[in-house]
């Protein structure tokens, strides 16, 4: 199964449809138009949507791992290494801002500058580290599974 077909089958349409129905029922509940039976049905829909959301999250996690794995096994040097290069660049900015600059300002006041690190870059770093962890964990699990087979 290709990565694109996995992304398309994540269940996002089911969640959106369920949320639309749920919104109608919540509106009816707020206006006092729901019976006890309808309230029970709304609660069941909430539980169903939670289950779908959890399944979708698990599938998304798998797809992310597959993407990282595909990149790591790519033929191009840049394809295999762009993520580590990006992560090392972010680490260099963090080291500059929180280690070098404070000490540099002690010895050379005003001459050392902090590099801006936008919040989106922090998010990217978290995603990159998460992908690395998932990829390495998957590799180790597959290796162990093959050894025990």
Protein backbone atom coordinates (compact mmCIF):
# COMPACT_ATOMS: atom_id res chain seq x y z
CA UNK A 1 0.00 0.00 0.00
CA UNK A 2 1.49 3.35 -1.01
CA UNK A 3 1.97 6.22 1.41
CA UNK A 4 -0.53 8.37 -0.50
CA UNK A 5 -3.23 5.74 -0.25
CA UNK A 6 -2.54 5.43 3.48
CA UNK A 7 -2.92 9.19 3.93
CA UNK A 8 -6.14 9.18 1.92
CA UNK A 9 -7.56 6.37 4.06
CA UNK A 10 -6.85 7.92 7.44
CA UNK A 11 -10.54 8.36 8.29
CA UNK A 12 -10.62 12.14 8.27
CA UNK A 13 -13.81 12.13 6.19
CA UNK A 14 -15.50 9.93 8.78
CA UNK A 15 -14.52 12.31 11.54
CA UNK A 16 -15.77 15.37 9.62
CA UNK A 17 -19.09 13.69 8.84
CA UNK A 18 -19.50 12.56 12.44
CA UNK A 19 -18.70 16.02 13.74
CA UNK A 20 -21.35 17.56 11.48
CA UNK A 21 -24.02 15.19 12.79
CA UNK A 22 -22.82 15.72 16.33
CA UNK A 23 -23.00 19.51 15.98
CA UNK A 24 -26.68 19.25 14.98
CA UNK A 25 -27.40 17.05 17.99
CA UNK A 26 -25.51 19.38 20.36
CA UNK A 27 -27.51 22.34 19.06
CA UNK A 28 -30.71 20.40 19.73
CA UNK A 29 -29.45 19.52 23.22
CA UNK A 30 -28.66 23.14 24.03
CA UNK A 31 -32.11 24.29 22.89
CA UNK A 32 -33.72 21.54 24.96
CA UNK A 33 -35.09 19.54 22.05
CA UNK A 34 -33.48 16.17 22.94
CA UNK A 35 -35.11 13.30 24.73
CA UNK A 36 -33.18 10.94 27.04
CA UNK A 37 -32.89 8.46 24.17
CA UNK A 38 -31.45 11.16 21.91
CA UNK A 39 -28.99 12.21 24.61
CA UNK A 40 -27.78 8.63 24.90
CA UNK A 41 -27.37 8.53 21.12
CA UNK A 42 -25.30 11.75 21.23
CA UNK A 43 -23.07 10.31 23.96
CA UNK A 44 -22.57 7.17 21.87
CA UNK A 45 -21.63 9.32 18.86
CA UNK A 46 -19.04 11.11 20.99
CA UNK A 47 -17.56 7.78 22.03
CA UNK A 48 -17.55 6.56 18.42
CA UNK A 49 -15.81 9.73 17.26
CA UNK A 50 -13.19 9.37 19.98
CA UNK A 51 -12.49 5.85 18.77
CA UNK A 52 -12.22 6.97 15.15
CA UNK A 53 -9.93 9.85 16.15
CA UNK A 54 -7.65 7.47 18.07
CA UNK A 55 -7.50 5.05 15.12
CA UNK A 56 -6.77 7.93 12.76
CA UNK A 57 -3.98 9.18 15.03
CA UNK A 58 -2.44 5.71 15.14
CA UNK A 59 -2.63 5.40 11.35
CA UNK A 60 -1.12 8.87 10.92
CA UNK A 61 1.73 7.87 13.23
CA UNK A 62 2.37 4.81 11.02
CA UNK A 63 2.33 6.91 7.85
CA UNK A 64 4.81 9.38 9.33
CA UNK A 65 7.11 6.49 10.20
CA UNK A 66 6.79 5.11 6.66
CA UNK A 67 7.72 8.50 5.20
CA UNK A 68 10.84 8.76 7.34
CA UNK A 69 11.76 5.18 6.49
CA UNK A 70 11.31 5.83 2.75
CA UNK A 71 13.53 8.91 2.99
CA UNK A 72 16.20 7.00 4.89
CA UNK A 73 16.25 4.28 2.22
CA UNK A 74 16.27 6.74 -0.70
CA UNK A 75 18.87 6.64 -3.44
CA UNK A 76 19.86 10.31 -3.30
CA UNK A 77 22.32 11.53 -0.66
CA UNK A 78 20.22 14.67 -0.13
CA UNK A 79 17.00 12.65 0.22
CA UNK A 80 18.58 10.54 2.96
CA UNK A 81 20.23 13.41 4.79
CA UNK A 82 18.07 16.54 4.53
CA UNK A 83 16.31 15.84 7.83
CA UNK A 84 19.54 15.33 9.85
CA UNK A 85 21.05 18.46 8.25
CA UNK A 86 17.97 20.48 9.20
CA UNK A 87 18.00 19.11 12.75
CA UNK A 88 21.70 19.93 13.16
CA UNK A 89 21.04 23.48 11.90
CA UNK A 90 18.32 23.94 14.51
CA UNK A 91 20.60 22.51 17.20
CA UNK A 92 23.29 24.98 16.14
CA UNK A 93 20.82 27.87 16.61
CA UNK A 94 19.78 26.55 20.03
CA UNK A 95 23.43 26.15 21.11
CA UNK A 96 24.18 29.67 19.88
CA UNK A 97 21.20 31.24 21.68
CA UNK A 98 21.45 29.43 25.00
CA UNK A 99 25.15 28.60 25.39
CA UNK A 100 27.38 30.80 23.25
CA UNK A 101 25.50 34.11 23.37
CA UNK A 102 25.15 34.26 27.19
CA UNK A 103 28.89 33.63 27.62
CA UNK A 104 29.76 35.89 24.70
CA UNK A 105 27.78 38.75 26.22
CA UNK A 106 29.71 38.36 29.47
CA UNK A 107 33.05 38.84 27.72
CA UNK A 108 31.99 40.97 24.72
CA UNK A 109 28.86 42.96 25.71
CA UNK A 110 26.69 44.04 22.79
CA UNK A 111 28.78 42.37 20.09
CA UNK A 112 27.16 38.91 20.15
CA UNK A 113 23.71 38.47 18.59
CA UNK A 114 20.92 35.98 19.29
CA UNK A 115 19.57 34.18 16.22
CA UNK A 116 15.79 34.29 15.94
CA UNK A 117 14.09 30.92 16.31
CA UNK A 118 10.44 31.12 15.25
CA UNK A 119 7.89 28.88 17.00
CA UNK A 120 7.29 27.03 13.72
CA UNK A 121 10.94 25.97 13.74
CA UNK A 122 10.50 24.49 17.23
CA UNK A 123 7.48 22.56 15.93
CA UNK A 124 9.51 21.32 12.98
CA UNK A 125 12.25 20.18 15.32
CA UNK A 126 9.72 18.27 17.45
CA UNK A 127 8.31 16.57 14.36
CA UNK A 128 11.79 15.73 13.09
CA UNK A 129 12.91 14.26 16.39
CA UNK A 130 9.63 12.33 16.62
CA UNK A 131 10.14 10.93 13.13
CA UNK A 132 13.67 9.90 14.01
CA UNK A 133 12.51 8.15 17.17
CA UNK A 134 9.71 6.34 15.31
CA UNK A 135 12.06 5.30 12.52
CA UNK A 136 14.75 3.99 14.86
CA UNK A 137 12.20 2.21 17.03
CA UNK A 138 10.65 0.59 13.96
CA UNK A 139 14.07 -0.51 12.69
CA UNK A 140 14.94 -2.07 16.05
CA UNK A 141 11.57 -3.81 16.34
CA UNK A 142 11.81 -5.27 12.83
CA UNK A 143 15.39 -6.42 13.45
CA UNK A 144 14.35 -8.09 16.71
CA UNK A 145 11.32 -9.67 15.07
CA UNK A 146 13.47 -11.07 12.24
CA UNK A 147 15.99 -12.47 14.74
CA UNK A 148 13.26 -14.23 16.74
CA UNK A 149 11.50 -15.59 13.66
